[in-house]
Structure formats: structure tokens, C-alpha cells
Amino acid sequence: MPQTVQPSYAEVPPNRVGGALALDFVNTVEWRGDPAARGERLTSYAELAHWAGSVGAVSPDAVSALLARAARDPDAAARVLADALALREAVARLAAGPAAPLP
């Protein structure tokens, strides 16, 4: 299945279908169960910041401050993004439970 380019969370807020913020965070990957069709939505620190703002985890002013700080220290922003993605995958494994291992 070819992957489609998704709009930025800065332009189009995510569909909050998880019922909880942690599950909505897990849902920032499209087609998790199909590695060939898997689509990463958090492709940059900016996308992470915009996602957090669009779901109300941080204020619009905080999004602006986070983006400015990331511009000043891109290496730190890259580390934060990597840590966020690792956390997301850990939450996904917990939510899936032992009966449904993730790839």
C-alpha cells in the first residue's frame, strides 16, 4: 500500500479517537500493524510540538516557545523527538498487551 503524505499537525489537527491522550499519542503512527504501510506522523520536532498544541497538551504560546528553542538547539530537539518516539512505542506495547505483540 503506497503511503500518502499527511498534512502537518500545524494545519490539520489529529483525529482524537483513542479516548485518552496517551492513546492519541500512540495513534501518531498510521497502519501500525502493517510495516509496509506504516506511516510516521511525527516526522520532526516541529510536528511533535504542533501535535502537543493541537491536542491541548501545551498552550499555543508554549508551542511557539518550543519551536524557538528547537531552532536554537536542533541537536537537543532531535534528542527530545527520539525520546518521545521511544516513549510512544513503549506505550503502544503496553496498550497492545501480551496477546498482540507489535512489529
PDB file of N, CA and C in Angstrom:
ATOM      1  N   MET A   1       0.853  -1.163   0.000  1.00  0.00           N
ATOM      2  CA  MET A   1       0.000   0.000   0.000  1.00  0.00           C
ATOM      3  C   MET A   1       0.903   1.231   0.000  1.00  0.00           C
ATOM      4  N   PRO A   2       0.770   2.115  -0.996  1.00  0.00           N
ATOM      5  CA  PRO A   2       1.609   3.305  -1.002  1.00  0.00           C
ATOM      6  C   PRO A   2       1.217   4.261   0.115  1.00  0.00           C
ATOM      7  N   GLN A   3       2.235   4.897   0.681  1.00  0.00           N
ATOM      8  CA  GLN A   3       1.972   5.843   1.755  1.00  0.00           C
ATOM      9  C   GLN A   3       1.569   7.189   1.163  1.00  0.00           C
ATOM     10  N   THR A   4       0.618   7.834   1.818  1.00  0.00           N
ATOM     11  CA  THR A   4       0.211   9.151   1.388  1.00  0.00           C
ATOM     12  C   THR A   4       0.847  10.179   2.311  1.00  0.00           C
ATOM     13  N   VAL A   5       1.107  11.338   1.772  1.00  0.00           N
ATOM     14  CA  VAL A   5       1.673  12.407   2.576  1.00  0.00           C
ATOM     15  C   VAL A   5       0.547  13.025   3.392  1.00  0.00           C
ATOM     16  N   GLN A   6       0.726  13.050   4.684  1.00  0.00           N
ATOM     17  CA  GLN A   6      -0.272  13.607   5.587  1.00  0.00           C
ATOM     18  C   GLN A   6       0.021  15.087   5.808  1.00  0.00           C
ATOM     19  N   PRO A   7      -1.029  15.888   5.985  1.00  0.00           N
ATOM     20  CA  PRO A   7      -0.795  17.303   6.279  1.00  0.00           C
ATOM     21  C   PRO A   7      -0.165  17.464   7.657  1.00  0.00           C
ATOM     22  N   SER A   8       0.493  18.575   7.830  1.00  0.00           N
ATOM     23  CA  SER A   8       1.123  18.878   9.110  1.00  0.00           C
ATOM     24  C   SER A   8       0.061  19.061  10.184  1.00  0.00           C
ATOM     25  N   TYR A   9       0.404  18.679  11.399  1.00  0.00           N
ATOM     26  CA  TYR A   9      -0.483  18.934  12.528  1.00  0.00           C
ATOM     27  C   TYR A   9      -0.649  20.437  12.754  1.00  0.00           C
ATOM     28  N   ALA A  10       0.257  21.250  12.214  1.00  0.00           N
ATOM     29  CA  ALA A  10       0.105  22.707  12.304  1.00  0.00           C
ATOM     30  C   ALA A  10      -1.095  23.172  11.484  1.00  0.00           C
ATOM     31  N   GLU A  11      -1.442  22.404  10.459  1.00  0.00           N
ATOM     32  CA  GLU A  11      -2.539  22.777   9.558  1.00  0.00           C
ATOM     33  C   GLU A  11      -3.824  22.010   9.843  1.00  0.00           C
ATOM     34  N   VAL A  12      -3.689  20.727  10.154  1.00  0.00           N
ATOM     35  CA  VAL A  12      -4.854  19.867  10.366  1.00  0.00           C
ATOM     36  C   VAL A  12      -4.674  19.118  11.674  1.00  0.00           C
ATOM     37  N   PRO A  13      -5.508  19.410  12.679  1.00  0.00           N
ATOM     38  CA  PRO A  13      -5.355  18.702  13.956  1.00  0.00           C
ATOM     39  C   PRO A  13      -5.652  17.214  13.800  1.00  0.00           C
ATOM     40  N   PRO A  14      -5.087  16.398  14.684  1.00  0.00           N
ATOM     41  CA  PRO A  14      -5.323  14.953  14.601  1.00  0.00           C
ATOM     42  C   PRO A  14      -6.747  14.594  14.992  1.00  0.00           C
ATOM     43  N   ASN A  15      -7.204  13.473  14.478  1.00  0.00           N
ATOM     44  CA  ASN A  15      -8.471  12.907  14.940  1.00  0.00           C
ATOM     45  C   ASN A  15      -8.193  12.233  16.274  1.00  0.00           C
ATOM     46  N   ARG A  16      -8.880  12.680  17.291  1.00  0.00           N
ATOM     47  CA  ARG A  16      -8.663  12.120  18.637  1.00  0.00           C
ATOM     48  C   ARG A  16      -9.655  10.986  18.848  1.00  0.00           C
ATOM     49  N   VAL A  17      -9.274   9.795  18.419  1.00  0.00           N
ATOM     50  CA  VAL A  17     -10.160   8.639  18.504  1.00  0.00           C
ATOM     51  C   VAL A  17      -9.730   7.648  19.582  1.00  0.00           C
ATOM     52  N   GLY A  18      -8.604   7.904  20.238  1.00  0.00           N
ATOM     53  CA  GLY A  18      -8.084   6.961  21.227  1.00  0.00           C
ATOM     54  C   GLY A  18      -8.841   6.961  22.540  1.00  0.00           C
ATOM     55  N   GLY A  19      -9.521   8.054  22.843  1.00  0.00           N
ATOM     56  CA  GLY A  19     -10.255   8.135  24.098  1.00  0.00           C
ATOM     57  C   GLY A  19      -9.403   8.572  25.275  1.00  0.00           C
ATOM     58  N   ALA A  20      -8.105   8.699  25.060  1.00  0.00           N
ATOM     59  CA  ALA A  20      -7.174   9.153  26.093  1.00  0.00           C
ATOM     60  C   ALA A  20      -5.968   9.747  25.377  1.00  0.00           C
ATOM     61  N   LEU A  21      -5.371  10.749  25.985  1.00  0.00           N
ATOM     62  CA  LEU A  21      -4.243  11.431  25.358  1.00  0.00           C
ATOM     63  C   LEU A  21      -3.110  10.459  25.015  1.00  0.00           C
ATOM     64  N   ALA A  22      -2.816   9.528  25.901  1.00  0.00           N
ATOM     65  CA  ALA A  22      -1.733   8.568  25.643  1.00  0.00           C
ATOM     66  C   ALA A  22      -2.031   7.717  24.410  1.00  0.00           C
ATOM     67  N   LEU A  23      -3.280   7.311  24.242  1.00  0.00           N
ATOM     68  CA  LEU A  23      -3.626   6.508  23.066  1.00  0.00           C
ATOM     69  C   LEU A  23      -3.649   7.358  21.803  1.00  0.00           C
ATOM     70  N   ASP A  24      -4.043   8.614  21.933  1.00  0.00           N
ATOM     71  CA  ASP A  24      -3.960   9.502  20.771  1.00  0.00           C
ATOM     72  C   ASP A  24      -2.494   9.687  20.355  1.00  0.00           C
ATOM     73  N   PHE A  25      -1.598   9.722  21.328  1.00  0.00           N
ATOM     74  CA  PHE A  25      -0.170   9.804  21.031  1.00  0.00           C
ATOM     75  C   PHE A  25       0.291   8.550  20.300  1.00  0.00           C
ATOM     76  N   VAL A  26      -0.148   7.394  20.757  1.00  0.00           N
ATOM     77  CA  VAL A  26       0.177   6.139  20.076  1.00  0.00           C
ATOM     78  C   VAL A  26      -0.309   6.176  18.628  1.00  0.00           C
ATOM     79  N   ASN A  27      -1.432   6.825  18.402  1.00  0.00           N
ATOM     80  CA  ASN A  27      -2.024   6.881  17.064  1.00  0.00           C
ATOM     81  C   ASN A  27      -1.335   7.864  16.128  1.00  0.00           C
ATOM     82  N   THR A  28      -0.189   8.402  16.519  1.00  0.00           N
ATOM     83  CA  THR A  28       0.553   9.260  15.604  1.00  0.00           C
ATOM     84  C   THR A  28       1.334   8.439  14.581  1.00  0.00           C
ATOM     85  N   VAL A  29       1.137   7.138  14.596  1.00  0.00           N
ATOM     86  CA  VAL A  29       1.640   6.235  13.557  1.00  0.00           C
ATOM     87  C   VAL A  29       0.423   5.687  12.829  1.00  0.00           C
ATOM     88  N   GLU A  30       0.448   5.737  11.508  1.00  0.00           N
ATOM     89  CA  GLU A  30      -0.636   5.183  10.701  1.00  0.00           C
ATOM     90  C   GLU A  30      -0.302   3.729  10.355  1.00  0.00           C
ATOM     91  N   TRP A  31      -1.286   2.876  10.392  1.00  0.00           N
ATOM     92  CA  TRP A  31      -1.166   1.466   9.992  1.00  0.00           C
ATOM     93  C   TRP A  31      -0.049   0.756  10.746  1.00  0.00           C
ATOM     94  N   ARG A  32      -0.056   0.885  12.058  1.00  0.00           N
ATOM     95  CA  ARG A  32       0.979   0.288  12.899  1.00  0.00           C
ATOM     96  C   ARG A  32       1.157  -1.213  12.648  1.00  0.00           C
ATOM     97  N   GLY A  33       0.088  -1.927  12.392  1.00  0.00           N
ATOM     98  CA  GLY A  33       0.183  -3.377  12.244  1.00  0.00           C
ATOM     99  C   GLY A  33       0.683  -3.844  10.889  1.00  0.00           C
ATOM    100  N   ASP A  34       0.891  -2.944   9.948  1.00  0.00           N
ATOM    101  CA  ASP A  34       1.336  -3.313   8.605  1.00  0.00           C
ATOM    102  C   ASP A  34       2.632  -2.561   8.298  1.00  0.00           C
ATOM    103  N   PRO A  35       3.780  -3.199   8.500  1.00  0.00           N
ATOM    104  CA  PRO A  35       5.056  -2.495   8.310  1.00  0.00           C
ATOM    105  C   PRO A  35       5.223  -1.866   6.927  1.00  0.00           C
ATOM    106  N   ALA A  36       4.653  -2.484   5.899  1.00  0.00           N
ATOM    107  CA  ALA A  36       4.793  -1.935   4.550  1.00  0.00           C
ATOM    108  C   ALA A  36       4.005  -0.636   4.381  1.00  0.00           C
ATOM    109  N   ALA A  37       2.933  -0.487   5.133  1.00  0.00           N
ATOM    110  CA  ALA A  37       2.083   0.700   5.000  1.00  0.00           C
ATOM    111  C   ALA A  37       2.248   1.679   6.157  1.00  0.00           C
ATOM    112  N   ARG A  38       3.137   1.347   7.096  1.00  0.00           N
ATOM    113  CA  ARG A  38       3.312   2.176   8.291  1.00  0.00           C
ATOM    114  C   ARG A  38       3.673   3.603   7.892  1.00  0.00           C
ATOM    115  N   GLY A  39       3.004   4.552   8.502  1.00  0.00           N
ATOM    116  CA  GLY A  39       3.250   5.953   8.202  1.00  0.00           C
ATOM    117  C   GLY A  39       3.515   6.744   9.466  1.00  0.00           C
ATOM    118  N   GLU A  40       4.695   7.306   9.558  1.00  0.00           N
ATOM    119  CA  GLU A  40       5.086   8.100  10.720  1.00  0.00           C
ATOM    120  C   GLU A  40       4.533   9.509  10.569  1.00  0.00           C
ATOM    121  N   ARG A  41       3.797   9.973  11.581  1.00  0.00           N
ATOM    122  CA  ARG A  41       3.254  11.336  11.553  1.00  0.00           C
ATOM    123  C   ARG A  41       4.154  12.320  12.283  1.00  0.00           C
ATOM    124  N   LEU A  42       4.945  11.846  13.233  1.00  0.00           N
ATOM    125  CA  LEU A  42       5.843  12.732  13.980  1.00  0.00           C
ATOM    126  C   LEU A  42       7.211  12.705  13.308  1.00  0.00           C
ATOM    127  N   THR A  43       7.289  13.364  12.170  1.00  0.00           N
ATOM    128  CA  THR A  43       8.490  13.321  11.342  1.00  0.00           C
ATOM    129  C   THR A  43       9.531  14.366  11.732  1.00  0.00           C
ATOM    130  N   SER A  44       9.196  15.217  12.674  1.00  0.00           N
ATOM    131  CA  SER A  44      10.133  16.246  13.128  1.00  0.00           C
ATOM    132  C   SER A  44       9.723  16.713  14.519  1.00  0.00           C
ATOM    133  N   TYR A  45      10.640  17.433  15.163  1.00  0.00           N
ATOM    134  CA  TYR A  45      10.322  18.020  16.457  1.00  0.00           C
ATOM    135  C   TYR A  45       9.161  18.996  16.308  1.00  0.00           C
ATOM    136  N   ALA A  46       9.141  19.741  15.215  1.00  0.00           N
ATOM    137  CA  ALA A  46       8.045  20.698  14.991  1.00  0.00           C
ATOM    138  C   ALA A  46       6.702  19.976  14.947  1.00  0.00           C
ATOM    139  N   GLU A  47       6.650  18.820  14.299  1.00  0.00           N
ATOM    140  CA  GLU A  47       5.390  18.066  14.260  1.00  0.00           C
ATOM    141  C   GLU A  47       4.980  17.622  15.660  1.00  0.00           C
ATOM    142  N   LEU A  48       5.948  17.212  16.472  1.00  0.00           N
ATOM    143  CA  LEU A  48       5.657  16.835  17.857  1.00  0.00           C
ATOM    144  C   LEU A  48       5.076  18.026  18.608  1.00  0.00           C
ATOM    145  N   ALA A  49       5.697  19.182  18.463  1.00  0.00           N
ATOM    146  CA  ALA A  49       5.218  20.385  19.155  1.00  0.00           C
ATOM    147  C   ALA A  49       3.817  20.769  18.671  1.00  0.00           C
ATOM    148  N   HIS A  50       3.602  20.710  17.368  1.00  0.00           N
ATOM    149  CA  HIS A  50       2.278  21.053  16.827  1.00  0.00           C
ATOM    150  C   HIS A  50       1.223  20.037  17.267  1.00  0.00           C
ATOM    151  N   TRP A  51       1.601  18.755  17.314  1.00  0.00           N
ATOM    152  CA  TRP A  51       0.649  17.748  17.801  1.00  0.00           C
ATOM    153  C   TRP A  51       0.275  18.067  19.250  1.00  0.00           C
ATOM    154  N   ALA A  52       1.274  18.328  20.088  1.00  0.00           N
ATOM    155  CA  ALA A  52       1.016  18.619  21.501  1.00  0.00           C
ATOM    156  C   ALA A  52       0.114  19.837  21.654  1.00  0.00           C
ATOM    157  N   GLY A  53       0.320  20.838  20.836  1.00  0.00           N
ATOM    158  CA  GLY A  53      -0.538  22.010  20.887  1.00  0.00           C
ATOM    159  C   GLY A  53      -1.943  21.729  20.406  1.00  0.00           C
ATOM    160  N   SER A  54      -2.076  20.932  19.358  1.00  0.00           N
ATOM    161  CA  SER A  54      -3.403  20.677  18.786  1.00  0.00           C
ATOM    162  C   SER A  54      -4.272  19.796  19.678  1.00  0.00           C
ATOM    163  N   VAL A  55      -3.653  19.004  20.549  1.00  0.00           N
ATOM    164  CA  VAL A  55      -4.448  18.169  21.463  1.00  0.00           C
ATOM    165  C   VAL A  55      -4.595  18.810  22.837  1.00  0.00           C
ATOM    166  N   GLY A  56      -4.037  20.008  22.997  1.00  0.00           N
ATOM    167  CA  GLY A  56      -4.175  20.722  24.264  1.00  0.00           C
ATOM    168  C   GLY A  56      -3.190  20.312  25.343  1.00  0.00           C
ATOM    169  N   ALA A  57      -2.162  19.558  24.979  1.00  0.00           N
ATOM    170  CA  ALA A  57      -1.160  19.166  25.973  1.00  0.00           C
ATOM    171  C   ALA A  57      -0.284  20.352  26.357  1.00  0.00           C
ATOM    172  N   VAL A  58      -0.122  21.296  25.451  1.00  0.00           N
ATOM    173  CA  VAL A  58       0.595  22.544  25.721  1.00  0.00           C
ATOM    174  C   VAL A  58      -0.184  23.681  25.076  1.00  0.00           C
ATOM    175  N   SER A  59       0.033  24.875  25.559  1.00  0.00           N
ATOM    176  CA  SER A  59      -0.662  26.060  25.041  1.00  0.00           C
ATOM    177  C   SER A  59      -0.054  26.509  23.715  1.00  0.00           C
ATOM    178  N   PRO A  60      -0.794  27.306  22.952  1.00  0.00           N
ATOM    179  CA  PRO A  60      -0.214  27.864  21.719  1.00  0.00           C
ATOM    180  C   PRO A  60       1.078  28.657  21.985  1.00  0.00           C
ATOM    181  N   ASP A  61       1.110  29.399  23.085  1.00  0.00           N
ATOM    182  CA  ASP A  61       2.339  30.126  23.424  1.00  0.00           C
ATOM    183  C   ASP A  61       3.490  29.166  23.688  1.00  0.00           C
ATOM    184  N   ALA A  62       3.201  28.042  24.324  1.00  0.00           N
ATOM    185  CA  ALA A  62       4.246  27.049  24.595  1.00  0.00           C
ATOM    186  C   ALA A  62       4.754  26.443  23.298  1.00  0.00           C
ATOM    187  N   VAL A  63       3.851  26.196  22.332  1.00  0.00           N
ATOM    188  CA  VAL A  63       4.288  25.662  21.037  1.00  0.00           C
ATOM    189  C   VAL A  63       5.290  26.623  20.410  1.00  0.00           C
ATOM    190  N   SER A  64       4.970  27.897  20.398  1.00  0.00           N
ATOM    191  CA  SER A  64       5.880  28.898  19.827  1.00  0.00           C
ATOM    192  C   SER A  64       7.218  28.905  20.554  1.00  0.00           C
ATOM    193  N   ALA A  65       7.187  28.833  21.870  1.00  0.00           N
ATOM    194  CA  ALA A  65       8.427  28.827  22.649  1.00  0.00           C
ATOM    195  C   ALA A  65       9.238  27.559  22.371  1.00  0.00           C
ATOM    196  N   LEU A  66       8.563  26.429  22.261  1.00  0.00           N
ATOM    197  CA  LEU A  66       9.265  25.172  21.978  1.00  0.00           C
ATOM    198  C   LEU A  66       9.927  25.212  20.607  1.00  0.00           C
ATOM    199  N   LEU A  67       9.226  25.755  19.622  1.00  0.00           N
ATOM    200  CA  LEU A  67       9.786  25.836  18.273  1.00  0.00           C
ATOM    201  C   LEU A  67      10.986  26.781  18.238  1.00  0.00           C
ATOM    202  N   ALA A  68      10.896  27.888  18.965  1.00  0.00           N
ATOM    203  CA  ALA A  68      12.024  28.826  19.020  1.00  0.00           C
ATOM    204  C   ALA A  68      13.229  28.182  19.696  1.00  0.00           C
ATOM    205  N   ARG A  69      12.977  27.463  20.764  1.00  0.00           N
ATOM    206  CA  ARG A  69      14.079  26.802  21.468  1.00  0.00           C
ATOM    207  C   ARG A  69      14.707  25.720  20.584  1.00  0.00           C
ATOM    208  N   ALA A  70      13.870  24.981  19.857  1.00  0.00           N
ATOM    209  CA  ALA A  70      14.380  23.937  18.956  1.00  0.00           C
ATOM    210  C   ALA A  70      15.237  24.543  17.856  1.00  0.00           C
ATOM    211  N   ALA A  71      14.863  25.714  17.379  1.00  0.00           N
ATOM    212  CA  ALA A  71      15.656  26.384  16.346  1.00  0.00           C
ATOM    213  C   ALA A  71      17.030  26.774  16.887  1.00  0.00           C
ATOM    214  N   ARG A  72      17.103  27.113  18.158  1.00  0.00           N
ATOM    215  CA  ARG A  72      18.379  27.481  18.786  1.00  0.00           C
ATOM    216  C   ARG A  72      19.241  26.255  19.086  1.00  0.00           C
ATOM    217  N   ASP A  73      18.605  25.109  19.326  1.00  0.00           N
ATOM    218  CA  ASP A  73      19.359  23.907  19.700  1.00  0.00           C
ATOM    219  C   ASP A  73      18.765  22.680  18.986  1.00  0.00           C
ATOM    220  N   PRO A  74      19.020  22.555  17.687  1.00  0.00           N
ATOM    221  CA  PRO A  74      18.425  21.444  16.930  1.00  0.00           C
ATOM    222  C   PRO A  74      18.857  20.062  17.407  1.00  0.00           C
ATOM    223  N   ASP A  75      20.061  19.955  17.960  1.00  0.00           N
ATOM    224  CA  ASP A  75      20.507  18.648  18.467  1.00  0.00           C
ATOM    225  C   ASP A  75      19.650  18.214  19.659  1.00  0.00           C
ATOM    226  N   ALA A  76      19.369  19.146  20.556  1.00  0.00           N
ATOM    227  CA  ALA A  76      18.509  18.833  21.701  1.00  0.00           C
ATOM    228  C   ALA A  76      17.104  18.486  21.225  1.00  0.00           C
ATOM    229  N   ALA A  77      16.608  19.211  20.232  1.00  0.00           N
ATOM    230  CA  ALA A  77      15.275  18.923  19.695  1.00  0.00           C
ATOM    231  C   ALA A  77      15.225  17.519  19.097  1.00  0.00           C
ATOM    232  N   ALA A  78      16.278  17.130  18.404  1.00  0.00           N
ATOM    233  CA  ALA A  78      16.336  15.781  17.821  1.00  0.00           C
ATOM    234  C   ALA A  78      16.330  14.714  18.915  1.00  0.00           C
ATOM    235  N   ARG A  79      17.035  14.977  20.015  1.00  0.00           N
ATOM    236  CA  ARG A  79      17.046  14.011  21.126  1.00  0.00           C
ATOM    237  C   ARG A  79      15.663  13.916  21.777  1.00  0.00           C
ATOM    238  N   VAL A  80      15.007  15.046  21.947  1.00  0.00           N
ATOM    239  CA  VAL A  80      13.655  15.036  22.527  1.00  0.00           C
ATOM    240  C   VAL A  80      12.704  14.258  21.629  1.00  0.00           C
ATOM    241  N   LEU A  81      12.794  14.480  20.317  1.00  0.00           N
ATOM    242  CA  LEU A  81      11.936  13.730  19.395  1.00  0.00           C
ATOM    243  C   LEU A  81      12.207  12.234  19.490  1.00  0.00           C
ATOM    244  N   ALA A  82      13.466  11.847  19.516  1.00  0.00           N
ATOM    245  CA  ALA A  82      13.808  10.420  19.627  1.00  0.00           C
ATOM    246  C   ALA A  82      13.259   9.830  20.922  1.00  0.00           C
ATOM    247  N   ASP A  83      13.391  10.570  22.013  1.00  0.00           N
ATOM    248  CA  ASP A  83      12.857  10.097  23.296  1.00  0.00           C
ATOM    249  C   ASP A  83      11.330   9.987  23.243  1.00  0.00           C
ATOM    250  N   ALA A  84      10.679  10.952  22.612  1.00  0.00           N
ATOM    251  CA  ALA A  84       9.215  10.921  22.503  1.00  0.00           C
ATOM    252  C   ALA A  84       8.760   9.720  21.687  1.00  0.00           C
ATOM    253  N   LEU A  85       9.459   9.426  20.603  1.00  0.00           N
ATOM    254  CA  LEU A  85       9.089   8.268  19.782  1.00  0.00           C
ATOM    255  C   LEU A  85       9.313   6.963  20.543  1.00  0.00           C
ATOM    256  N   ALA A  86      10.387   6.888  21.307  1.00  0.00           N
ATOM    257  CA  ALA A  86      10.633   5.685  22.122  1.00  0.00           C
ATOM    258  C   ALA A  86       9.536   5.530  23.170  1.00  0.00           C
ATOM    259  N   LEU A  87       9.148   6.632  23.797  1.00  0.00           N
ATOM    260  CA  LEU A  87       8.050   6.580  24.772  1.00  0.00           C
ATOM    261  C   LEU A  87       6.760   6.136  24.102  1.00  0.00           C
ATOM    262  N   ARG A  88       6.469   6.693  22.934  1.00  0.00           N
ATOM    263  CA  ARG A  88       5.252   6.311  22.214  1.00  0.00           C
ATOM    264  C   ARG A  88       5.225   4.812  21.935  1.00  0.00           C
ATOM    265  N   GLU A  89       6.342   4.257  21.511  1.00  0.00           N
ATOM    266  CA  GLU A  89       6.372   2.823  21.196  1.00  0.00           C
ATOM    267  C   GLU A  89       6.229   1.987  22.456  1.00  0.00           C
ATOM    268  N   ALA A  90       6.764   2.451  23.570  1.00  0.00           N
ATOM    269  CA  ALA A  90       6.593   1.732  24.842  1.00  0.00           C
ATOM    270  C   ALA A  90       5.123   1.744  25.260  1.00  0.00           C
ATOM    271  N   VAL A  91       4.467   2.887  25.118  1.00  0.00           N
ATOM    272  CA  VAL A  91       3.044   2.966  25.449  1.00  0.00           C
ATOM    273  C   VAL A  91       2.239   2.066  24.511  1.00  0.00           C
ATOM    274  N   ALA A  92       2.606   2.029  23.253  1.00  0.00           N
ATOM    275  CA  ALA A  92       1.902   1.163  22.296  1.00  0.00           C
ATOM    276  C   ALA A  92       2.026  -0.307  22.694  1.00  0.00           C
ATOM    277  N   ARG A  93       3.226  -0.700  23.123  1.00  0.00           N
ATOM    278  CA  ARG A  93       3.405  -2.092  23.556  1.00  0.00           C
ATOM    279  C   ARG A  93       2.559  -2.397  24.793  1.00  0.00           C
ATOM    280  N   LEU A  94       2.510  -1.460  25.724  1.00  0.00           N
ATOM    281  CA  LEU A  94       1.678  -1.646  26.919  1.00  0.00           C
ATOM    282  C   LEU A  94       0.205  -1.738  26.553  1.00  0.00           C
ATOM    283  N   ALA A  95      -0.237  -0.874  25.668  1.00  0.00           N
ATOM    284  CA  ALA A  95      -1.655  -0.874  25.276  1.00  0.00           C
ATOM    285  C   ALA A  95      -2.030  -2.128  24.510  1.00  0.00           C
ATOM    286  N   ALA A  96      -1.081  -2.667  23.727  1.00  0.00           N
ATOM    287  CA  ALA A  96      -1.382  -3.861  22.946  1.00  0.00           C
ATOM    288  C   ALA A  96      -1.519  -5.092  23.831  1.00  0.00           C
ATOM    289  N   GLY A  97      -0.826  -5.109  24.949  1.00  0.00           N
ATOM    290  CA  GLY A  97      -0.894  -6.259  25.844  1.00  0.00           C
ATOM    291  C   GLY A  97      -0.091  -7.432  25.317  1.00  0.00           C
ATOM    292  N   PRO A  98       0.037  -8.452  26.104  1.00  0.00           N
ATOM    293  CA  PRO A  98       0.876  -9.597  25.720  1.00  0.00           C
ATOM    294  C   PRO A  98       0.308 -10.436  24.582  1.00  0.00           C
ATOM    295  N   ALA A  99      -0.995 -10.338  24.332  1.00  0.00           N
ATOM    296  CA  ALA A  99      -1.594 -11.180  23.302  1.00  0.00           C
ATOM    297  C   ALA A  99      -1.382 -10.619  21.903  1.00  0.00           C
ATOM    298  N   ALA A 100      -0.962  -9.357  21.782  1.00  0.00           N
ATOM    299  CA  ALA A 100      -0.834  -8.750  20.466  1.00  0.00           C
ATOM    300  C   ALA A 100       0.498  -8.032  20.335  1.00  0.00           C
ATOM    301  N   PRO A 101       1.592  -8.791  20.153  1.00  0.00           N
ATOM    302  CA  PRO A 101       2.895  -8.110  20.031  1.00  0.00           C
ATOM    303  C   PRO A 101       2.935  -7.243  18.790  1.00  0.00           C
ATOM    304  N   LEU A 102       3.663  -6.137  18.893  1.00  0.00           N
ATOM    305  CA  LEU A 102       3.807  -5.205  17.779  1.00  0.00           C
ATOM    306  C   LEU A 102       5.101  -5.477  17.050  1.00  0.00           C
ATOM    307  N   PRO A 103       5.118  -5.161  15.752  1.00  0.00           N
ATOM    308  CA  PRO A 103       6.362  -5.348  14.977  1.00  0.00           C
ATOM    309  C   PRO A 103       7.444  -4.395  15.424  1.00  0.00           C
TER     310      PRO A 103
END
